[in-house]
Amino acid sequence: MEIIKNYLKYSLWFVLIVFAVLLGLHWLPALTIDGHTMRRVDLLSDLRYPESETAAADSDSIPLPPVVKPAFVDTCRTGMTCIEDYSDSTLRGMTPFYKALDRVSSDDSDDKQVRIAVFGDSFIEADIFTADLREMLQKQFGGCGVGFVTITSMTSGYRPTVRHTFGGWSSHAVTDSVYFDKKKQGISGHYFVPRNGAYVELRGQNKYASLLDTCQRASIFFHSRDSVLLSARVNKGENKNYSLGPSDGLQQIQVDGRIGSIRWTVDRADSTLFYGLAMDGKKGIILDNFSLRGSSGLSLRGIPSQMLKQFNRQRPYDLIILEYGLNVATERGRNYDNYQKGLLTAIEHLKECFPQAGILLLSVGDRDSKNENGELRTMPGVKNLIRYQQNIAAESGIAFWNMFEAMGGEGSMAKLVHAKPSMANYDYTHINFRGGKHLAGLLYETMIYGKEQYDRRRAYEQE
């Protein structure tokens, strides 16, 4: 029988020898080999409680890296649809507007006016939406008056923010199919030819919105290649006559005072084109409504650069708001590439002619149509168009506000139509004045919030 030899004692001796060697190595001084210091052997390092480190002297300490200041991040309040600003360092978004608001309250600035132009389609016709936005801003930052008004208007009878009467004019608009000369048009896409004795009168109102019954300055804009004789009658008082010679550029006559009504009469005008008139304050908010029924916004490209630049010298806007889309969206619209290309060109045209202005593009609002079962739902082409409009804003480096989302998104137009009282018309496309006030309040809220964020960002950067 073979006897199995016990090797356990050899294993025990081996362990003891290794332990002794490691214990001996623990007492050896630190070794340096080829410039590298070897770590000392410490069998009990995992069990020993770490000793507190002695603070190094200042002369021996390594300077800490500088604290990196995190980038400021804009926030958006819950439930609010905020303005998305794609302008970055170009400052062609909301920054010029926010700076202008600071200018109003500054003691160092001679210019106390903040000028806003709103270009749009029939969605804002008759001062819907813009009337309430103007009132909210004027109450907050000062100002009075209805702003720019075209010489004649097909909606003058139901525009509640001003009493507008006129007679003796030939009206021409870019939407006319015949007899329109694009080279003659002004900023609104119109021009007006007077007969002798033609008149236009604006009278302030206070029934719909406040701060519109009187203004501090009345103006009329025209271009004359020959002499022109005008008279102005303020508050039904005595006529004041003005005689001007020919000019190659845009001309303006201003009347100052406490003006409740202003009547301009053309006593003689040869080769003269008129564009509009205005009632403004000398300080605070000026908001001009340039609505054009049936417009897609692409006609802005056709306004002569020289004309827009001359208007800019007369009324240098701090913010231009673009509201278009009703005449672009289709039931099954998927590809709006041509429209995107055209609107990008129009925006660049405005940038060139109004180099100091920021630009805010509003998306199309909700628009409902019936499906094959006769049920109302958001027109499919609307949501596709909104994606294009947001991309237009990003590509052109301007600001964007998703009005569709602010309204409530899918099916929100039907909710406005069936609200009590109704806030939209039964075409499920256009809002009424109640709906305009509702949407204006939403935009006003996000504009004020954006200004607060702008102020916070500036304070943060100055720390």
Protein backbone atom coordinates (compact mmCIF):
# COMPACT_ATOMS: atom_id res chain seq x y z
CA MET A 1 0.00 0.00 0.00
CA GLU A 2 1.43 3.36 -1.08
CA ILE A 3 1.69 6.01 1.65
CA ILE A 4 0.63 9.56 0.62
CA LYS A 5 3.21 12.10 1.73
CA ASN A 6 1.90 15.17 3.60
CA TYR A 7 3.08 18.43 1.95
CA LEU A 8 1.05 20.75 4.21
CA LYS A 9 4.04 21.61 6.36
CA TYR A 10 5.96 22.84 3.27
CA SER A 11 3.11 25.21 2.41
CA LEU A 12 3.13 26.56 5.95
CA TRP A 13 6.88 27.15 5.84
CA PHE A 14 6.53 28.89 2.45
CA VAL A 15 3.89 31.29 3.79
CA LEU A 16 6.02 32.11 6.85
CA ILE A 17 9.06 32.79 4.68
CA VAL A 18 7.09 35.12 2.35
CA PHE A 19 5.64 36.93 5.36
CA ALA A 20 9.09 37.42 6.84
CA VAL A 21 10.45 38.75 3.56
CA LEU A 22 7.57 41.24 3.18
CA LEU A 23 7.97 42.31 6.80
CA GLY A 24 11.63 42.91 6.20
CA LEU A 25 10.92 44.91 3.06
CA HIS A 26 8.61 47.13 5.12
CA TRP A 27 11.61 48.34 7.16
CA LEU A 28 13.77 49.06 4.15
CA PRO A 29 14.12 52.75 3.11
CA ALA A 30 12.38 53.86 -0.09
CA LEU A 31 14.23 52.72 -3.18
CA THR A 32 14.77 54.87 -6.29
CA ILE A 33 15.46 53.09 -9.56
CA ASP A 34 16.13 55.10 -12.71
CA GLY A 35 14.49 58.19 -11.22
CA HIS A 36 11.35 56.36 -10.12
CA THR A 37 10.73 55.99 -6.38
CA MET A 38 9.27 52.62 -5.47
CA ARG A 39 6.34 52.51 -3.10
CA ARG A 40 7.14 51.01 0.33
CA VAL A 41 5.61 47.69 1.26
CA ASP A 42 2.91 48.00 3.94
CA LEU A 43 1.01 44.82 4.80
CA LEU A 44 -1.44 46.65 7.06
CA SER A 45 -2.20 49.62 4.79
CA ASP A 46 -5.82 48.48 4.27
CA LEU A 47 -6.40 48.21 8.03
CA ARG A 48 -4.59 51.31 9.27
CA TYR A 49 -6.75 54.45 9.79
CA PRO A 50 -5.42 57.19 7.47
CA GLU A 51 -3.51 59.96 9.18
CA SER A 52 -4.65 63.52 8.58
CA GLU A 53 -2.48 65.29 6.07
CA THR A 54 -0.54 68.29 7.21
CA ALA A 55 -1.32 71.38 5.17
CA ALA A 56 1.55 72.31 2.96
CA ALA A 57 3.22 75.66 3.39
CA ASP A 58 2.24 78.37 0.96
CA SER A 59 5.63 78.18 -0.68
CA ASP A 60 5.18 74.46 -1.31
CA SER A 61 1.53 74.48 -2.40
CA ILE A 62 0.45 74.02 -6.01
CA PRO A 63 -1.86 76.80 -7.19
CA LEU A 64 -5.41 75.64 -7.77
CA PRO A 65 -6.84 75.99 -11.30
CA PRO A 66 -9.12 79.01 -11.75
CA VAL A 67 -12.80 78.41 -11.21
CA VAL A 68 -14.55 78.14 -14.58
CA LYS A 69 -17.70 80.26 -14.67
CA PRO A 70 -20.53 78.17 -16.14
CA ALA A 71 -22.38 79.52 -19.15
CA PHE A 72 -25.60 81.34 -18.41
CA VAL A 73 -28.60 79.19 -19.35
CA ASP A 74 -31.92 80.79 -20.22
CA THR A 75 -34.92 79.12 -18.65
CA CYS A 76 -38.56 79.00 -19.66
CA ARG A 77 -41.34 79.23 -17.14
CA THR A 78 -43.59 76.18 -16.92
CA GLY A 79 -46.63 76.54 -19.14
CA MET A 80 -45.11 79.36 -21.20
CA THR A 81 -44.07 79.15 -24.85
CA CYS A 82 -40.86 81.16 -24.86
CA ILE A 83 -39.20 82.99 -27.71
CA GLU A 84 -36.34 81.00 -29.23
CA ASP A 85 -33.52 83.33 -30.21
CA TYR A 86 -31.20 82.00 -32.91
CA SER A 87 -29.29 85.25 -33.39
CA ASP A 88 -26.23 84.47 -31.21
CA SER A 89 -23.59 87.18 -31.65
CA THR A 90 -25.30 88.75 -34.69
CA LEU A 91 -27.82 90.50 -32.42
CA ARG A 92 -30.59 90.28 -35.02
CA GLY A 93 -33.03 88.62 -32.64
CA MET A 94 -34.58 90.19 -29.54
CA THR A 95 -31.50 92.00 -28.19
CA PRO A 96 -32.05 95.31 -30.07
CA PHE A 97 -35.59 95.45 -28.67
CA TYR A 98 -34.45 94.78 -25.11
CA LYS A 99 -31.73 97.42 -25.43
CA ALA A 100 -34.31 99.89 -26.72
CA LEU A 101 -36.49 99.29 -23.65
CA ASP A 102 -33.49 100.22 -21.50
CA ARG A 103 -33.02 103.34 -23.61
CA VAL A 104 -36.50 104.61 -22.71
CA SER A 105 -35.69 104.72 -19.01
CA SER A 106 -32.11 105.94 -19.43
CA ASP A 107 -31.29 109.55 -18.56
CA ASP A 108 -28.38 109.52 -21.00
CA SER A 109 -30.43 108.78 -24.13
CA ASP A 110 -31.98 111.41 -26.37
CA ASP A 111 -34.07 108.82 -28.21
CA LYS A 112 -36.91 107.78 -25.91
CA GLN A 113 -38.94 105.86 -28.47
CA VAL A 114 -39.11 102.09 -29.02
CA ARG A 115 -40.39 101.35 -32.53
CA ILE A 116 -41.99 98.06 -33.55
CA ALA A 117 -43.23 97.10 -37.02
CA VAL A 118 -45.58 94.12 -37.39
CA PHE A 119 -45.86 92.78 -40.94
CA GLY A 120 -48.60 90.23 -41.46
CA ASP A 121 -51.62 88.96 -43.34
CA SER A 122 -55.36 89.04 -42.63
CA PHE A 123 -54.76 87.37 -39.25
CA ILE A 124 -53.88 90.83 -37.86
CA GLU A 125 -56.11 92.87 -40.16
CA ALA A 126 -57.93 95.88 -38.63
CA ASP A 127 -55.39 95.93 -35.77
CA ILE A 128 -56.50 92.56 -34.37
CA PHE A 129 -53.80 91.23 -32.03
CA THR A 130 -51.55 94.28 -32.53
CA ALA A 131 -54.02 96.65 -30.84
CA ASP A 132 -53.76 94.77 -27.55
CA LEU A 133 -50.03 94.14 -27.83
CA ARG A 134 -49.56 97.89 -28.38
CA GLU A 135 -51.72 98.76 -25.37
CA MET A 136 -49.93 96.32 -23.06
CA LEU A 137 -46.50 97.59 -24.06
CA GLN A 138 -47.54 101.26 -23.87
CA LYS A 139 -48.98 100.79 -20.40
CA GLN A 140 -45.71 99.21 -19.26
CA PHE A 141 -43.17 101.42 -21.04
CA GLY A 142 -45.10 104.55 -22.00
CA GLY A 143 -46.30 105.82 -25.32
CA CYS A 144 -49.56 106.75 -27.03
CA GLY A 145 -51.18 106.77 -30.43
CA VAL A 146 -52.10 104.15 -33.00
CA GLY A 147 -48.90 104.40 -35.04
CA PHE A 148 -48.77 104.12 -38.85
CA VAL A 149 -52.00 104.02 -40.86
CA THR A 150 -52.25 103.73 -44.64
CA ILE A 151 -53.98 106.59 -46.49
CA THR A 152 -57.05 104.47 -47.29
CA SER A 153 -58.09 101.06 -46.00
CA MET A 154 -60.80 98.54 -46.78
CA THR A 155 -61.03 97.75 -43.06
CA SER A 156 -61.30 101.32 -41.80
CA GLY A 157 -64.96 100.80 -40.91
CA TYR A 158 -64.31 98.13 -38.32
CA ARG A 159 -60.85 99.05 -37.02
CA PRO A 160 -61.68 100.08 -33.43
CA THR A 161 -58.37 101.74 -32.54
CA VAL A 162 -58.80 104.83 -34.75
CA ARG A 163 -61.55 106.65 -36.64
CA HIS A 164 -60.25 106.74 -40.20
CA THR A 165 -62.00 108.71 -42.96
CA PHE A 166 -60.74 109.69 -46.40
CA GLY A 167 -61.80 110.75 -49.87
CA GLY A 168 -60.37 111.64 -53.30
CA TRP A 169 -57.67 108.99 -53.47
CA SER A 170 -56.66 106.33 -55.98
CA SER A 171 -55.37 103.32 -54.05
CA HIS A 172 -52.82 100.80 -55.32
CA ALA A 173 -51.66 97.65 -53.49
CA VAL A 174 -49.16 94.93 -54.28
CA THR A 175 -52.02 92.41 -54.20
CA ASP A 176 -53.75 94.19 -57.12
CA SER A 177 -53.77 92.16 -60.31
CA VAL A 178 -53.40 95.19 -62.61
CA TYR A 179 -52.17 98.80 -62.61
CA PHE A 180 -49.65 98.38 -59.83
CA ASP A 181 -46.09 99.65 -60.17
CA LYS A 182 -43.84 97.81 -57.72
CA LYS A 183 -41.19 100.49 -57.98
CA LYS A 184 -43.56 103.06 -56.43
CA GLN A 185 -44.71 101.10 -53.39
CA GLY A 186 -43.96 102.11 -49.84
CA ILE A 187 -43.29 100.11 -46.69
CA SER A 188 -46.88 98.84 -46.44
CA GLY A 189 -46.98 97.54 -50.03
CA HIS A 190 -49.22 100.45 -51.10
CA TYR A 191 -49.07 103.83 -52.75
CA PHE A 192 -51.85 106.40 -53.08
CA VAL A 193 -52.40 109.04 -55.76
CA PRO A 194 -54.45 112.12 -54.73
CA ARG A 195 -56.78 114.31 -56.66
CA ASN A 196 -56.91 117.99 -55.75
CA GLY A 197 -58.86 118.31 -52.54
CA ALA A 198 -58.16 114.71 -51.40
CA TYR A 199 -58.22 114.38 -47.65
CA VAL A 200 -57.53 111.85 -44.92
CA GLU A 201 -58.43 112.20 -41.25
CA LEU A 202 -57.49 110.23 -38.15
CA ARG A 203 -59.34 110.66 -34.89
CA GLY A 204 -58.23 109.04 -31.65
CA GLN A 205 -60.42 106.51 -29.87
CA ASN A 206 -60.63 105.19 -26.32
CA LYS A 207 -63.48 102.70 -26.62
CA TYR A 208 -61.37 99.64 -27.41
CA ALA A 209 -57.94 100.37 -25.96
CA SER A 210 -56.49 103.11 -23.79
CA LEU A 211 -53.79 105.65 -24.73
CA LEU A 212 -55.26 106.11 -28.21
CA ASP A 213 -57.54 109.13 -27.73
CA THR A 214 -54.71 111.64 -28.06
CA CYS A 215 -51.14 111.59 -29.30
CA GLN A 216 -48.22 114.01 -29.21
CA ARG A 217 -47.10 113.95 -32.85
CA ALA A 218 -48.91 113.51 -36.17
CA SER A 219 -47.02 112.77 -39.40
CA ILE A 220 -47.71 112.22 -43.08
CA PHE A 221 -45.34 110.49 -45.53
CA PHE A 222 -45.08 111.15 -49.25
CA HIS A 223 -42.74 111.40 -52.22
CA SER A 224 -43.04 114.30 -54.65
CA ARG A 225 -41.21 115.02 -57.87
CA ASP A 226 -42.87 118.43 -58.03
CA SER A 227 -44.19 121.00 -55.59
CA VAL A 228 -46.91 120.01 -53.14
CA LEU A 229 -49.27 122.11 -51.03
CA LEU A 230 -50.84 120.51 -47.96
CA SER A 231 -52.88 121.74 -45.05
CA ALA A 232 -53.22 120.20 -41.58
CA ARG A 233 -56.16 120.76 -39.26
CA VAL A 234 -55.59 119.71 -35.66
CA ASN A 235 -58.50 119.13 -33.30
CA LYS A 236 -60.87 120.79 -35.83
CA GLY A 237 -59.04 124.08 -35.40
CA GLU A 238 -57.51 126.38 -37.97
CA ASN A 239 -55.75 124.99 -41.02
CA LYS A 240 -51.99 125.22 -41.15
CA ASN A 241 -50.52 125.24 -44.65
CA TYR A 242 -47.34 123.55 -45.79
CA SER A 243 -45.63 124.09 -49.14
CA LEU A 244 -42.78 121.82 -50.15
CA GLY A 245 -40.67 121.59 -53.26
CA PRO A 246 -39.70 118.46 -55.20
CA SER A 247 -37.45 115.85 -53.62
CA ASP A 248 -35.82 112.61 -54.65
CA GLY A 249 -36.48 110.98 -51.30
CA LEU A 250 -39.22 110.26 -48.81
CA GLN A 251 -40.63 113.40 -47.22
CA GLN A 252 -42.39 113.80 -43.89
CA ILE A 253 -44.37 116.61 -42.31
CA GLN A 254 -44.82 116.52 -38.53
CA VAL A 255 -47.24 118.37 -36.28
CA ASP A 256 -46.65 118.37 -32.52
CA GLY A 257 -49.06 119.04 -29.68
CA ARG A 258 -51.91 117.37 -27.83
CA ILE A 259 -53.62 115.89 -30.85
CA GLY A 260 -57.01 114.21 -30.69
CA SER A 261 -57.70 114.46 -34.41
CA ILE A 262 -55.69 115.38 -37.48
CA ARG A 263 -57.04 116.08 -40.98
CA TRP A 264 -54.64 116.36 -43.91
CA THR A 265 -55.88 117.94 -47.14
CA VAL A 266 -54.04 117.93 -50.46
CA ASP A 267 -54.52 121.40 -51.96
CA ARG A 268 -52.12 120.80 -54.83
CA ALA A 269 -49.93 117.83 -55.67
CA ASP A 270 -48.32 117.13 -59.02
CA SER A 271 -46.46 113.81 -59.44
CA THR A 272 -46.85 113.07 -55.73
CA LEU A 273 -47.28 109.64 -54.17
CA PHE A 274 -48.55 109.31 -50.60
CA TYR A 275 -47.89 106.30 -48.34
CA GLY A 276 -49.47 106.84 -44.97
CA LEU A 277 -49.78 108.88 -41.82
CA ALA A 278 -49.12 108.29 -38.14
CA MET A 279 -50.16 109.29 -34.65
CA ASP A 280 -47.36 108.75 -32.13
CA GLY A 281 -46.03 109.68 -28.74
CA LYS A 282 -42.65 111.34 -28.30
CA LYS A 283 -41.64 108.77 -25.72
CA GLY A 284 -42.36 105.07 -25.24
CA ILE A 285 -43.75 102.42 -27.54
CA ILE A 286 -44.68 102.93 -31.19
CA LEU A 287 -46.24 99.89 -32.83
CA ASP A 288 -47.13 99.94 -36.53
CA ASN A 289 -49.47 97.39 -38.11
CA PHE A 290 -48.63 96.56 -41.75
CA SER A 291 -51.26 93.94 -42.50
CA LEU A 292 -51.89 92.93 -46.10
CA ARG A 293 -54.78 90.63 -46.89
CA GLY A 294 -53.75 87.59 -48.93
CA SER A 295 -50.02 88.11 -48.38
CA SER A 296 -47.55 85.28 -47.80
CA GLY A 297 -44.74 87.65 -46.84
CA LEU A 298 -42.82 87.07 -50.05
CA SER A 299 -43.95 90.41 -51.47
CA LEU A 300 -41.61 92.10 -48.97
CA ARG A 301 -38.81 91.20 -51.38
CA GLY A 302 -40.29 93.53 -54.00
CA ILE A 303 -40.31 96.72 -51.91
CA PRO A 304 -37.43 98.81 -53.29
CA SER A 305 -34.42 98.88 -50.99
CA GLN A 306 -34.05 102.62 -51.37
CA MET A 307 -37.64 103.17 -50.23
CA LEU A 308 -37.25 100.95 -47.14
CA LYS A 309 -33.97 102.64 -46.23
CA GLN A 310 -35.65 106.03 -46.46
CA PHE A 311 -38.48 104.82 -44.20
CA ASN A 312 -35.82 103.52 -41.83
CA ARG A 313 -34.36 107.00 -41.55
CA GLN A 314 -37.80 108.35 -40.69
CA ARG A 315 -38.92 105.45 -38.44
CA PRO A 316 -35.91 103.35 -37.37
CA TYR A 317 -37.45 100.16 -36.00
CA ASP A 318 -35.97 98.33 -33.04
CA LEU A 319 -38.03 95.18 -33.65
CA ILE A 320 -39.70 93.80 -36.77
CA ILE A 321 -42.31 91.08 -36.18
CA LEU A 322 -43.30 88.84 -39.10
CA GLU A 323 -46.67 87.05 -38.95
CA TYR A 324 -47.42 84.94 -42.02
CA GLY A 325 -48.59 81.48 -42.99
CA LEU A 326 -52.36 81.50 -43.46
CA ASN A 327 -51.94 81.96 -47.20
CA VAL A 328 -49.14 79.40 -47.42
CA ALA A 329 -50.41 76.35 -45.53
CA THR A 330 -52.37 73.81 -47.58
CA GLU A 331 -54.41 70.76 -46.67
CA ARG A 332 -51.69 68.27 -47.55
CA GLY A 333 -48.70 70.58 -47.74
CA ARG A 334 -45.47 68.70 -47.10
CA ASN A 335 -42.82 70.50 -49.09
CA TYR A 336 -42.41 74.23 -48.52
CA ASP A 337 -38.87 74.48 -49.89
CA ASN A 338 -39.70 77.26 -52.34
CA TYR A 339 -41.46 79.26 -49.65
CA GLN A 340 -38.51 78.83 -47.30
CA LYS A 341 -36.12 80.08 -49.95
CA GLY A 342 -38.34 83.09 -50.69
CA LEU A 343 -38.88 84.09 -47.06
CA LEU A 344 -35.16 83.79 -46.32
CA THR A 345 -34.58 86.27 -49.15
CA ALA A 346 -37.24 88.60 -47.73
CA ILE A 347 -35.65 88.49 -44.27
CA GLU A 348 -32.22 89.29 -45.67
CA HIS A 349 -33.81 92.20 -47.54
CA LEU A 350 -35.21 93.56 -44.27
CA LYS A 351 -31.88 93.05 -42.52
CA GLU A 352 -30.11 95.11 -45.14
CA CYS A 353 -32.64 97.94 -45.07
CA PHE A 354 -33.14 98.01 -41.27
CA PRO A 355 -29.63 97.17 -40.03
CA GLN A 356 -30.36 98.14 -36.40
CA ALA A 357 -33.56 96.10 -36.03
CA GLY A 358 -34.09 92.72 -34.43
CA ILE A 359 -36.48 90.35 -36.18
CA LEU A 360 -39.03 87.98 -34.61
CA LEU A 361 -40.80 85.41 -36.79
CA LEU A 362 -44.15 84.13 -35.50
CA SER A 363 -45.26 80.70 -36.65
CA VAL A 364 -48.64 80.27 -38.25
CA GLY A 365 -51.36 79.66 -35.69
CA ASP A 366 -53.67 76.67 -35.64
CA ARG A 367 -55.99 76.31 -38.63
CA ASP A 368 -58.65 73.63 -38.69
CA SER A 369 -60.27 71.77 -41.56
CA LYS A 370 -62.58 68.77 -41.86
CA ASN A 371 -61.35 65.28 -42.63
CA GLU A 372 -63.09 62.72 -44.84
CA ASN A 373 -65.51 61.96 -41.99
CA GLY A 374 -66.47 65.60 -41.57
CA GLU A 375 -64.58 65.92 -38.26
CA LEU A 376 -62.60 69.05 -37.45
CA ARG A 377 -58.87 68.67 -36.90
CA THR A 378 -55.71 70.71 -37.40
CA MET A 379 -54.88 71.03 -41.08
CA PRO A 380 -51.95 68.62 -41.65
CA GLY A 381 -50.03 71.15 -43.74
CA VAL A 382 -49.91 73.59 -40.82
CA LYS A 383 -47.59 71.51 -38.68
CA ASN A 384 -45.26 70.92 -41.60
CA LEU A 385 -45.14 74.66 -42.29
CA ILE A 386 -44.26 75.42 -38.66
CA ARG A 387 -41.22 73.18 -38.90
CA TYR A 388 -40.14 75.09 -42.00
CA GLN A 389 -40.72 78.44 -40.29
CA GLN A 390 -38.61 77.44 -37.31
CA ASN A 391 -35.86 76.33 -39.66
CA ILE A 392 -36.10 79.67 -41.49
CA ALA A 393 -35.55 81.52 -38.19
CA ALA A 394 -32.59 79.32 -37.29
CA GLU A 395 -30.98 79.63 -40.71
CA SER A 396 -31.42 83.40 -40.88
CA GLY A 397 -30.27 83.92 -37.29
CA ILE A 398 -33.38 85.66 -35.94
CA ALA A 399 -35.89 84.97 -33.15
CA PHE A 400 -38.89 82.60 -33.36
CA TRP A 401 -42.12 82.23 -31.42
CA ASN A 402 -44.27 79.15 -31.89
CA MET A 403 -47.73 80.72 -31.86
CA PHE A 404 -49.33 77.35 -32.70
CA GLU A 405 -47.92 75.87 -29.51
CA ALA A 406 -48.83 78.97 -27.47
CA MET A 407 -52.45 78.72 -28.69
CA GLY A 408 -52.65 75.20 -27.34
CA GLY A 409 -51.45 73.16 -30.30
CA GLU A 410 -53.60 70.54 -32.00
CA GLY A 411 -57.25 71.56 -32.28
CA SER A 412 -56.79 74.85 -30.41
CA MET A 413 -58.51 76.92 -33.10
CA ALA A 414 -61.73 74.92 -32.65
CA LYS A 415 -61.53 75.59 -28.91
CA LEU A 416 -61.24 79.32 -29.55
CA VAL A 417 -64.20 79.22 -31.96
CA HIS A 418 -66.44 77.39 -29.47
CA ALA A 419 -65.31 79.35 -26.41
CA LYS A 420 -67.94 81.37 -24.54
CA PRO A 421 -67.71 84.11 -25.74
CA SER A 422 -66.10 83.04 -29.01
CA MET A 423 -62.50 84.09 -29.67
CA ALA A 424 -62.30 83.07 -33.34
CA ASN A 425 -64.42 83.03 -36.48
CA TYR A 426 -66.30 80.06 -37.88
CA ASP A 427 -63.89 79.77 -40.79
CA TYR A 428 -61.63 78.11 -38.19
CA THR A 429 -58.79 80.25 -39.55
CA HIS A 430 -59.06 83.81 -38.22
CA ILE A 431 -59.23 85.03 -34.65
CA ASN A 432 -61.48 87.89 -33.60
CA PHE A 433 -60.59 90.78 -31.28
CA ARG A 434 -61.13 88.66 -28.16
CA GLY A 435 -58.83 86.00 -29.57
CA GLY A 436 -56.36 88.70 -30.54
CA LYS A 437 -56.29 90.00 -26.98
CA HIS A 438 -55.72 86.45 -25.71
CA LEU A 439 -52.78 85.80 -28.06
CA ALA A 440 -51.33 89.29 -27.54
CA GLY A 441 -51.27 88.60 -23.81
CA LEU A 442 -49.33 85.39 -24.40
CA LEU A 443 -46.74 87.12 -26.59
CA TYR A 444 -46.49 90.09 -24.22
CA GLU A 445 -45.86 87.75 -21.30
CA THR A 446 -43.05 85.93 -23.08
CA MET A 447 -41.52 89.22 -24.29
CA ILE A 448 -41.43 90.57 -20.72
CA TYR A 449 -40.02 87.27 -19.46
CA GLY A 450 -37.39 87.40 -22.19
CA LYS A 451 -36.43 90.90 -21.06
CA GLU A 452 -36.05 89.64 -17.49
CA GLN A 453 -33.79 86.84 -18.72
CA TYR A 454 -31.79 89.35 -20.75
CA ASP A 455 -31.29 91.54 -17.66
CA ARG A 456 -30.24 88.52 -15.59
CA ARG A 457 -27.77 87.44 -18.25
CA ARG A 458 -26.21 90.90 -18.42
CA ALA A 459 -25.88 91.09 -14.64
CA TYR A 460 -24.34 87.61 -14.59
CA GLU A 461 -21.78 88.51 -17.26
CA GLN A 462 -20.76 91.65 -15.37
CA GLU A 463 -20.01 89.75 -12.13
